[in-house]
N, C-alpha and C. Protein backbone atom coordinates (compact mmCIF):
# COMPACT_ATOMS: atom_id res chain seq x y z
N SER A 1 85.62 127.44 70.47
CA SER A 1 86.74 126.62 70.11
C SER A 1 87.59 126.36 71.34
N MET A 2 88.15 125.16 71.48
CA MET A 2 88.89 124.74 72.67
C MET A 2 90.37 124.61 72.39
N HIS A 3 90.98 125.58 71.78
CA HIS A 3 92.41 125.49 71.45
C HIS A 3 93.24 126.03 72.60
N THR A 4 94.01 125.14 73.26
CA THR A 4 94.87 125.57 74.36
C THR A 4 96.32 125.13 74.15
N LEU A 5 96.64 124.62 72.99
CA LEU A 5 97.96 124.06 72.79
C LEU A 5 99.02 125.09 72.41
N GLY A 6 98.62 126.26 71.97
CA GLY A 6 99.62 127.26 71.60
C GLY A 6 100.29 126.92 70.29
N ARG A 7 101.49 127.37 70.11
CA ARG A 7 102.24 127.12 68.88
C ARG A 7 102.95 125.78 68.98
N GLN A 8 102.65 124.89 68.07
CA GLN A 8 103.27 123.58 68.04
C GLN A 8 104.29 123.53 66.91
N THR A 9 105.37 122.82 67.13
CA THR A 9 106.43 122.72 66.15
C THR A 9 106.67 121.26 65.83
N LEU A 10 106.81 120.97 64.56
CA LEU A 10 107.16 119.63 64.12
C LEU A 10 108.51 119.72 63.43
N LEU A 11 109.48 119.02 63.97
CA LEU A 11 110.82 119.03 63.39
C LEU A 11 111.06 117.74 62.63
N GLU A 12 111.50 117.87 61.42
CA GLU A 12 111.81 116.72 60.59
C GLU A 12 113.26 116.84 60.11
N PRO A 13 113.93 115.73 59.91
CA PRO A 13 115.30 115.79 59.36
C PRO A 13 115.28 116.41 57.97
N MET A 14 116.25 117.27 57.68
CA MET A 14 116.36 117.94 56.38
C MET A 14 117.77 117.72 55.83
N LYS A 15 117.89 117.86 54.50
CA LYS A 15 119.20 117.80 53.86
C LYS A 15 119.26 118.92 52.83
N TYR A 16 120.46 119.38 52.55
CA TYR A 16 120.64 120.40 51.51
C TYR A 16 120.87 119.71 50.18
N THR A 17 120.21 120.23 49.16
CA THR A 17 120.36 119.68 47.81
C THR A 17 121.56 120.33 47.13
N ALA A 18 121.92 119.81 45.97
CA ALA A 18 123.09 120.30 45.23
C ALA A 18 122.95 121.76 44.84
N ASP A 19 121.72 122.26 44.67
CA ASP A 19 121.52 123.66 44.28
C ASP A 19 121.39 124.60 45.48
N GLY A 20 121.65 124.10 46.71
CA GLY A 20 121.65 124.96 47.89
C GLY A 20 120.32 125.07 48.61
N TRP A 21 119.29 124.43 48.12
CA TRP A 21 117.99 124.42 48.80
C TRP A 21 117.97 123.25 49.78
N PHE A 22 116.95 123.22 50.63
CA PHE A 22 116.82 122.08 51.52
C PHE A 22 115.57 121.28 51.16
N ALA A 23 115.59 120.01 51.54
CA ALA A 23 114.49 119.09 51.25
C ALA A 23 114.40 118.09 52.40
N PRO A 24 113.21 117.49 52.61
CA PRO A 24 113.10 116.47 53.66
C PRO A 24 114.08 115.33 53.40
N ALA A 25 114.61 114.78 54.47
CA ALA A 25 115.56 113.68 54.37
C ALA A 25 114.87 112.39 54.82
N PRO A 26 114.07 111.76 53.95
CA PRO A 26 113.30 110.60 54.37
C PRO A 26 114.17 109.42 54.79
N GLU A 27 115.41 109.37 54.34
CA GLU A 27 116.26 108.26 54.75
C GLU A 27 116.62 108.34 56.23
N ALA A 28 116.53 109.53 56.83
CA ALA A 28 116.84 109.68 58.25
C ALA A 28 115.75 109.04 59.12
N ARG A 29 114.51 109.13 58.66
CA ARG A 29 113.39 108.51 59.39
C ARG A 29 112.34 108.15 58.35
N PRO A 30 112.38 106.93 57.83
CA PRO A 30 111.46 106.56 56.75
C PRO A 30 110.00 106.69 57.19
N LEU A 31 109.18 107.17 56.29
CA LEU A 31 107.75 107.27 56.55
C LEU A 31 107.12 105.91 56.36
N PRO A 32 106.08 105.56 57.15
CA PRO A 32 105.45 104.25 57.00
C PRO A 32 104.72 104.13 55.67
N ASP A 33 104.71 102.94 55.11
CA ASP A 33 103.99 102.68 53.87
C ASP A 33 102.50 102.57 54.11
N ASP A 34 102.10 102.18 55.33
CA ASP A 34 100.70 101.95 55.64
C ASP A 34 100.00 103.27 55.90
N ALA A 35 99.12 103.67 55.00
CA ALA A 35 98.41 104.95 55.13
C ALA A 35 97.32 104.90 56.19
N SER A 36 97.04 103.71 56.77
CA SER A 36 95.98 103.61 57.77
C SER A 36 96.48 103.93 59.17
N ILE A 37 97.75 104.23 59.34
CA ILE A 37 98.28 104.55 60.66
C ILE A 37 97.66 105.85 61.16
N MET A 38 97.16 105.82 62.39
CA MET A 38 96.48 106.99 62.94
C MET A 38 97.48 108.06 63.36
N HIS A 39 97.01 109.29 63.38
CA HIS A 39 97.79 110.43 63.84
C HIS A 39 98.08 110.28 65.33
N GLY A 40 99.20 110.81 65.78
CA GLY A 40 99.53 110.81 67.20
C GLY A 40 100.11 109.48 67.66
N PHE A 41 100.26 109.34 68.98
CA PHE A 41 100.76 108.10 69.53
C PHE A 41 100.19 107.91 70.93
N ASP A 42 100.34 106.72 71.44
CA ASP A 42 99.79 106.36 72.74
C ASP A 42 100.47 107.17 73.83
N LEU A 43 99.69 107.84 74.66
CA LEU A 43 100.25 108.66 75.73
C LEU A 43 100.41 107.89 77.03
N ASN A 44 99.92 106.65 77.09
CA ASN A 44 100.07 105.85 78.30
C ASN A 44 101.55 105.51 78.52
N ASP A 45 101.91 105.38 79.79
CA ASP A 45 103.28 104.99 80.12
C ASP A 45 103.24 104.16 81.39
N ASP A 46 103.75 102.95 81.32
CA ASP A 46 103.81 102.09 82.50
C ASP A 46 105.19 102.10 83.14
N PHE A 47 106.09 102.94 82.63
CA PHE A 47 107.44 103.10 83.14
C PHE A 47 108.18 101.76 83.21
N SER A 48 108.01 100.97 82.14
CA SER A 48 108.67 99.67 82.08
C SER A 48 110.07 99.76 81.48
N VAL A 49 110.42 100.91 80.89
CA VAL A 49 111.77 101.11 80.39
C VAL A 49 112.43 102.21 81.22
N PRO A 50 113.75 102.20 81.36
CA PRO A 50 114.42 103.11 82.30
C PRO A 50 114.65 104.52 81.78
N ALA A 51 113.88 104.97 80.79
CA ALA A 51 114.03 106.34 80.28
C ALA A 51 112.64 106.90 79.97
N LEU A 52 112.54 108.21 80.00
CA LEU A 52 111.27 108.86 79.67
C LEU A 52 110.95 108.64 78.19
N ASP A 53 109.69 108.36 77.91
CA ASP A 53 109.26 108.19 76.53
C ASP A 53 109.04 109.55 75.89
N LEU A 54 108.74 109.57 74.60
CA LEU A 54 108.67 110.82 73.84
C LEU A 54 107.56 111.77 74.26
N GLN A 55 106.49 111.29 74.89
CA GLN A 55 105.38 112.18 75.24
C GLN A 55 105.70 113.11 76.41
N TRP A 56 106.76 112.87 77.14
CA TRP A 56 107.07 113.63 78.34
C TRP A 56 107.92 114.86 78.03
N THR A 57 107.67 115.93 78.77
CA THR A 57 108.46 117.15 78.67
C THR A 57 108.47 117.83 80.04
N PHE A 58 109.26 118.86 80.18
CA PHE A 58 109.35 119.60 81.45
C PHE A 58 108.94 121.05 81.23
N TRP A 59 108.68 121.75 82.32
CA TRP A 59 108.30 123.15 82.29
C TRP A 59 109.46 123.98 82.81
N LYS A 60 110.03 124.83 82.00
CA LYS A 60 111.09 125.78 82.36
C LYS A 60 112.42 125.15 82.74
N GLU A 61 112.56 123.85 82.67
CA GLU A 61 113.83 123.21 82.96
C GLU A 61 113.84 121.83 82.31
N ASN A 62 115.00 121.35 81.97
CA ASN A 62 115.12 119.97 81.52
C ASN A 62 115.64 119.19 82.72
N ALA A 63 114.74 118.51 83.40
CA ALA A 63 115.11 117.78 84.61
C ALA A 63 115.25 116.28 84.34
N THR A 64 115.58 115.92 83.12
CA THR A 64 115.72 114.51 82.77
C THR A 64 116.70 113.81 83.71
N SER A 65 117.77 114.47 84.08
CA SER A 65 118.77 113.85 84.95
C SER A 65 118.24 113.63 86.37
N LYS A 66 117.15 114.26 86.74
CA LYS A 66 116.56 114.10 88.07
C LYS A 66 115.59 112.93 88.14
N VAL A 67 115.20 112.40 86.98
CA VAL A 67 114.20 111.34 86.91
C VAL A 67 114.86 109.98 87.04
N SER A 68 114.26 109.13 87.86
CA SER A 68 114.71 107.75 87.99
C SER A 68 113.50 106.85 87.72
N ILE A 69 113.69 105.85 86.86
CA ILE A 69 112.61 104.92 86.53
C ILE A 69 113.13 103.51 86.81
N ALA A 70 112.41 102.79 87.68
CA ALA A 70 112.78 101.42 88.01
C ALA A 70 111.54 100.69 88.52
N ASP A 71 111.44 99.42 88.18
CA ASP A 71 110.35 98.56 88.66
C ASP A 71 108.97 99.15 88.41
N GLY A 72 108.78 99.79 87.25
CA GLY A 72 107.47 100.31 86.88
C GLY A 72 107.07 101.57 87.61
N ALA A 73 108.03 102.27 88.22
CA ALA A 73 107.71 103.50 88.95
C ALA A 73 108.69 104.60 88.56
N LEU A 74 108.18 105.82 88.49
CA LEU A 74 109.00 107.00 88.23
C LEU A 74 109.19 107.74 89.55
N THR A 75 110.42 108.12 89.84
CA THR A 75 110.73 108.92 91.02
C THR A 75 111.42 110.19 90.56
N MET A 76 110.99 111.31 91.12
CA MET A 76 111.58 112.60 90.76
C MET A 76 111.57 113.48 92.00
N PRO A 77 112.71 114.02 92.41
CA PRO A 77 112.71 114.89 93.59
C PRO A 77 111.90 116.16 93.33
N GLY A 78 111.18 116.58 94.36
CA GLY A 78 110.36 117.77 94.25
C GLY A 78 111.18 119.05 94.28
N LYS A 79 110.50 120.14 93.94
CA LYS A 79 111.12 121.46 93.94
C LYS A 79 109.99 122.47 94.10
N GLY A 80 110.25 123.58 94.76
CA GLY A 80 109.24 124.63 94.89
C GLY A 80 108.26 124.35 96.02
N SER A 81 107.29 125.25 96.16
CA SER A 81 106.31 125.09 97.24
C SER A 81 104.86 125.19 96.76
N THR A 82 104.65 125.47 95.49
CA THR A 82 103.30 125.53 94.92
C THR A 82 103.35 124.93 93.52
N PRO A 83 102.20 124.61 92.92
CA PRO A 83 102.23 124.14 91.54
C PRO A 83 102.87 125.16 90.59
N ALA A 84 102.80 126.43 90.92
CA ALA A 84 103.35 127.46 90.04
C ALA A 84 104.88 127.45 89.99
N ASP A 85 105.55 126.95 91.05
CA ASP A 85 107.02 126.93 91.03
C ASP A 85 107.60 125.53 91.25
N ALA A 86 106.78 124.52 91.04
CA ALA A 86 107.20 123.14 91.25
C ALA A 86 107.99 122.61 90.05
N ARG A 87 108.62 121.47 90.26
CA ARG A 87 109.23 120.74 89.14
C ARG A 87 108.09 119.96 88.49
N LEU A 88 107.85 120.21 87.22
CA LEU A 88 106.69 119.64 86.54
C LEU A 88 107.11 118.73 85.40
N LEU A 89 106.56 117.54 85.38
CA LEU A 89 106.72 116.60 84.28
C LEU A 89 105.39 116.62 83.53
N LEU A 90 105.42 117.00 82.25
CA LEU A 90 104.20 117.27 81.50
C LEU A 90 104.08 116.42 80.25
N MET A 91 102.83 116.32 79.78
CA MET A 91 102.55 115.81 78.44
C MET A 91 101.36 116.59 77.91
N THR A 92 101.28 116.73 76.58
CA THR A 92 100.21 117.50 75.96
C THR A 92 99.17 116.54 75.41
N PRO A 93 97.93 116.61 75.92
CA PRO A 93 96.89 115.73 75.38
C PRO A 93 96.56 116.12 73.95
N GLU A 94 96.17 115.14 73.17
CA GLU A 94 95.88 115.37 71.76
C GLU A 94 94.39 115.53 71.49
N ASP A 95 93.57 115.55 72.51
CA ASP A 95 92.13 115.58 72.33
C ASP A 95 91.51 116.37 73.49
N PRO A 96 90.40 117.08 73.26
CA PRO A 96 89.77 117.82 74.37
C PRO A 96 89.00 116.92 75.34
N TYR A 97 88.86 115.62 75.03
CA TYR A 97 88.19 114.66 75.90
C TYR A 97 89.20 113.60 76.30
N TYR A 98 89.53 113.53 77.59
CA TYR A 98 90.49 112.52 78.02
C TYR A 98 90.35 112.30 79.51
N GLU A 99 90.94 111.19 79.94
CA GLU A 99 91.02 110.85 81.36
C GLU A 99 92.46 110.48 81.65
N THR A 100 92.98 110.97 82.76
CA THR A 100 94.34 110.63 83.15
C THR A 100 94.33 110.22 84.62
N GLN A 101 95.15 109.24 84.94
CA GLN A 101 95.18 108.78 86.32
C GLN A 101 96.59 108.35 86.67
N VAL A 102 96.93 108.50 87.93
CA VAL A 102 98.26 108.16 88.39
C VAL A 102 98.19 107.62 89.81
N ALA A 103 99.06 106.66 90.11
CA ALA A 103 99.24 106.19 91.48
C ALA A 103 100.32 107.05 92.11
N VAL A 104 100.04 107.59 93.28
CA VAL A 104 100.95 108.53 93.94
C VAL A 104 101.43 107.91 95.26
N GLN A 105 102.71 108.05 95.52
CA GLN A 105 103.25 107.73 96.84
C GLN A 105 104.03 108.97 97.29
N VAL A 106 103.53 109.63 98.32
CA VAL A 106 104.12 110.87 98.80
C VAL A 106 105.24 110.54 99.77
N GLY A 107 106.43 111.11 99.51
CA GLY A 107 107.55 110.93 100.42
C GLY A 107 107.42 111.86 101.62
N ARG A 108 108.12 111.55 102.67
CA ARG A 108 108.07 112.34 103.89
C ARG A 108 108.50 113.78 103.63
N GLY A 109 107.66 114.72 104.05
CA GLY A 109 107.96 116.13 103.90
C GLY A 109 107.73 116.65 102.49
N ASN A 110 107.15 115.85 101.61
CA ASN A 110 106.91 116.25 100.22
C ASN A 110 105.43 116.39 99.93
N VAL A 111 105.16 116.98 98.80
CA VAL A 111 103.81 117.09 98.26
C VAL A 111 103.87 116.55 96.84
N ALA A 112 102.88 115.76 96.46
CA ALA A 112 102.82 115.21 95.11
C ALA A 112 101.38 115.23 94.64
N GLY A 113 101.19 115.14 93.33
CA GLY A 113 99.84 115.14 92.83
C GLY A 113 99.78 115.04 91.33
N LEU A 114 98.59 115.36 90.80
CA LEU A 114 98.32 115.33 89.37
C LEU A 114 97.57 116.60 89.01
N MET A 115 98.08 117.30 88.00
CA MET A 115 97.50 118.59 87.61
C MET A 115 97.26 118.64 86.11
N LEU A 116 96.27 119.44 85.73
CA LEU A 116 96.17 119.94 84.36
C LEU A 116 96.85 121.28 84.43
N TYR A 117 97.88 121.49 83.64
CA TYR A 117 98.73 122.67 83.78
C TYR A 117 98.86 123.40 82.46
N TYR A 118 98.50 124.66 82.47
CA TYR A 118 98.67 125.51 81.30
C TYR A 118 99.75 126.56 81.53
N SER A 119 99.76 127.16 82.74
CA SER A 119 100.76 128.17 83.09
C SER A 119 100.78 128.31 84.60
N GLU A 120 101.64 129.20 85.10
CA GLU A 120 101.74 129.44 86.53
C GLU A 120 100.44 129.94 87.14
N LYS A 121 99.55 130.49 86.35
CA LYS A 121 98.27 131.01 86.86
C LYS A 121 97.09 130.14 86.48
N ALA A 122 97.24 129.30 85.50
CA ALA A 122 96.12 128.49 85.00
C ALA A 122 96.45 127.01 85.15
N PHE A 123 95.98 126.41 86.24
CA PHE A 123 96.16 124.98 86.48
C PHE A 123 95.03 124.50 87.38
N ALA A 124 94.81 123.21 87.39
CA ALA A 124 93.80 122.61 88.25
C ALA A 124 94.22 121.18 88.52
N GLY A 125 93.92 120.69 89.72
CA GLY A 125 94.25 119.31 90.04
C GLY A 125 94.28 119.08 91.53
N ILE A 126 94.89 117.97 91.92
CA ILE A 126 94.91 117.54 93.32
C ILE A 126 96.35 117.29 93.74
N THR A 127 96.72 117.78 94.91
CA THR A 127 98.00 117.47 95.53
C THR A 127 97.77 117.01 96.96
N SER A 128 98.76 116.34 97.53
CA SER A 128 98.65 115.89 98.92
C SER A 128 100.03 115.77 99.54
N ASP A 129 100.07 115.98 100.84
CA ASP A 129 101.29 115.72 101.61
C ASP A 129 101.15 114.44 102.43
N GLY A 130 100.06 113.70 102.19
CA GLY A 130 99.78 112.49 102.94
C GLY A 130 98.78 112.71 104.06
N LYS A 131 98.62 113.95 104.49
CA LYS A 131 97.68 114.28 105.56
C LYS A 131 96.54 115.18 105.07
N ILE A 132 96.87 116.06 104.13
CA ILE A 132 95.90 117.02 103.60
C ILE A 132 95.82 116.86 102.08
N LEU A 133 94.60 116.77 101.55
CA LEU A 133 94.38 116.82 100.10
C LEU A 133 94.06 118.25 99.75
N THR A 134 94.71 118.78 98.74
CA THR A 134 94.43 120.14 98.27
C THR A 134 93.90 120.04 96.85
N VAL A 135 92.72 120.62 96.65
CA VAL A 135 92.10 120.69 95.33
C VAL A 135 92.40 122.08 94.80
N HIS A 136 93.16 122.14 93.70
CA HIS A 136 93.56 123.41 93.10
C HIS A 136 92.62 123.73 91.94
N TYR A 137 92.11 124.95 91.93
CA TYR A 137 91.25 125.42 90.84
C TYR A 137 92.01 126.38 89.93
N ASP A 138 92.97 127.10 90.47
CA ASP A 138 93.89 127.97 89.73
C ASP A 138 94.92 128.47 90.75
N ASP A 139 95.72 129.47 90.39
CA ASP A 139 96.78 129.91 91.30
C ASP A 139 96.25 130.64 92.53
N LYS A 140 95.01 131.10 92.51
CA LYS A 140 94.46 131.86 93.64
C LYS A 140 93.38 131.11 94.42
N HIS A 141 92.86 130.03 93.87
CA HIS A 141 91.75 129.33 94.50
C HIS A 141 92.08 127.85 94.69
N SER A 142 92.01 127.43 95.95
CA SER A 142 92.20 126.02 96.28
C SER A 142 91.41 125.71 97.54
N GLU A 143 91.25 124.43 97.78
CA GLU A 143 90.50 123.97 98.94
C GLU A 143 91.28 122.83 99.57
N SER A 144 91.53 122.89 100.87
CA SER A 144 92.26 121.84 101.57
C SER A 144 91.31 121.06 102.46
N ILE A 145 91.41 119.73 102.40
CA ILE A 145 90.57 118.87 103.22
C ILE A 145 91.43 117.77 103.83
N PRO A 146 91.07 117.31 105.03
CA PRO A 146 91.83 116.20 105.62
C PRO A 146 91.79 114.98 104.71
N SER A 147 92.90 114.29 104.60
CA SER A 147 92.99 113.13 103.72
C SER A 147 92.77 111.85 104.49
N LYS A 148 91.96 110.98 103.93
CA LYS A 148 91.79 109.63 104.47
C LYS A 148 92.57 108.63 103.60
N MET A 149 93.32 109.16 102.64
CA MET A 149 94.02 108.32 101.67
C MET A 149 95.39 107.87 102.18
N GLY A 150 96.03 108.65 103.04
CA GLY A 150 97.39 108.35 103.46
C GLY A 150 98.39 108.77 102.41
N CYS A 151 99.57 108.14 102.42
CA CYS A 151 100.65 108.52 101.50
C CYS A 151 100.61 107.77 100.17
N ARG A 152 99.78 106.73 100.06
CA ARG A 152 99.64 105.98 98.81
C ARG A 152 98.19 106.03 98.38
N PHE A 153 97.96 106.57 97.19
CA PHE A 153 96.59 106.69 96.69
C PHE A 153 96.64 106.95 95.20
N MET A 154 95.46 107.05 94.60
CA MET A 154 95.37 107.30 93.17
C MET A 154 94.58 108.58 92.93
N ILE A 155 94.95 109.28 91.87
CA ILE A 155 94.24 110.48 91.45
C ILE A 155 93.78 110.25 90.01
N ARG A 156 92.54 110.64 89.73
CA ARG A 156 92.01 110.57 88.37
C ARG A 156 91.40 111.91 88.01
N LEU A 157 91.81 112.46 86.87
CA LEU A 157 91.25 113.70 86.34
C LEU A 157 90.59 113.37 85.00
N THR A 158 89.34 113.78 84.87
CA THR A 158 88.59 113.55 83.64
C THR A 158 88.22 114.90 83.05
N ASN A 159 88.70 115.16 81.85
CA ASN A 159 88.44 116.43 81.17
C ASN A 159 87.52 116.16 79.99
N ARG A 160 86.38 116.81 79.98
CA ARG A 160 85.42 116.70 78.89
C ARG A 160 85.22 118.08 78.31
N ALA A 161 86.10 118.48 77.39
CA ALA A 161 86.03 119.80 76.74
C ALA A 161 85.99 120.91 77.79
N ASN A 162 86.99 120.90 78.67
CA ASN A 162 87.17 121.89 79.74
C ASN A 162 86.15 121.80 80.86
N ARG A 163 85.50 120.68 81.01
CA ARG A 163 84.65 120.38 82.17
C ARG A 163 85.38 119.28 82.93
N LEU A 164 85.94 119.66 84.07
CA LEU A 164 86.88 118.80 84.79
C LEU A 164 86.23 118.13 86.00
N THR A 165 86.49 116.82 86.14
CA THR A 165 86.09 116.07 87.33
C THR A 165 87.38 115.56 87.97
N MET A 166 87.53 115.81 89.30
CA MET A 166 88.73 115.40 90.03
C MET A 166 88.33 114.38 91.09
N GLN A 167 89.03 113.22 91.08
CA GLN A 167 88.69 112.13 91.99
C GLN A 167 89.94 111.53 92.62
N VAL A 168 89.75 110.90 93.79
CA VAL A 168 90.82 110.17 94.46
C VAL A 168 90.30 108.79 94.86
N SER A 169 91.23 107.85 95.01
CA SER A 169 90.88 106.49 95.41
C SER A 169 92.04 105.88 96.18
N ARG A 170 91.71 105.07 97.13
CA ARG A 170 92.73 104.34 97.86
C ARG A 170 93.13 103.06 97.13
N ASP A 171 92.15 102.45 96.42
CA ASP A 171 92.39 101.15 95.81
C ASP A 171 92.19 101.10 94.29
N GLY A 172 91.78 102.19 93.66
CA GLY A 172 91.52 102.20 92.24
C GLY A 172 90.17 101.61 91.87
N GLU A 173 89.40 101.20 92.86
CA GLU A 173 88.07 100.63 92.62
C GLU A 173 86.97 101.62 93.01
N GLN A 174 87.05 102.13 94.23
CA GLN A 174 86.06 103.10 94.71
C GLN A 174 86.68 104.50 94.65
N TRP A 175 86.00 105.39 93.92
CA TRP A 175 86.51 106.75 93.70
C TRP A 175 85.64 107.75 94.43
N THR A 176 86.30 108.76 95.02
CA THR A 176 85.61 109.87 95.67
C THR A 176 85.82 111.11 94.82
N THR A 177 84.72 111.73 94.42
CA THR A 177 84.79 112.96 93.63
C THR A 177 85.01 114.14 94.57
N LEU A 178 86.10 114.89 94.35
CA LEU A 178 86.41 116.05 95.18
C LEU A 178 85.93 117.33 94.52
N ALA A 179 85.88 117.35 93.20
CA ALA A 179 85.43 118.55 92.50
C ALA A 179 84.91 118.17 91.13
N ARG A 180 83.87 118.86 90.71
CA ARG A 180 83.31 118.66 89.38
C ARG A 180 82.93 120.04 88.84
N ASP A 181 83.41 120.33 87.64
CA ASP A 181 83.11 121.62 87.01
C ASP A 181 81.89 121.48 86.13
């Protein structure tokens, strides 16, 4: 079984009834009449609105005030020196098979990347400072290689039931596989 989500909570508006019990308050958020609506919601984000959408969350801090969204790009100041102590913007995938990709522009003196993150000890992904690409396998194992990508590049992570493929591209057309599990 591939359960890595932990304890999930669903909060719904509630109201107290006249006898002191509580009941769902459907008037606060009406349920759709169409029973064909699929579970979940689209996790894609093109950052076309100036606020984080519902799929985003943070790890150990609410850094919403640090996020800036403009012209289809998200900017967030870095923190920490490793993925284990970095400022992390996260989303929880709803399926064990998925692909995620991001365009990265690394600022001077910073490191940026894309990770699959479970905890400070369990993560995998790619980071770069513009000169070195680092492939992270967990908190103790990583591999650093000279980067031919520069400060602007793309990262794609493909997860197939915990079989991970990590790739980079300069143009989004030709991809180089850095690691495959």
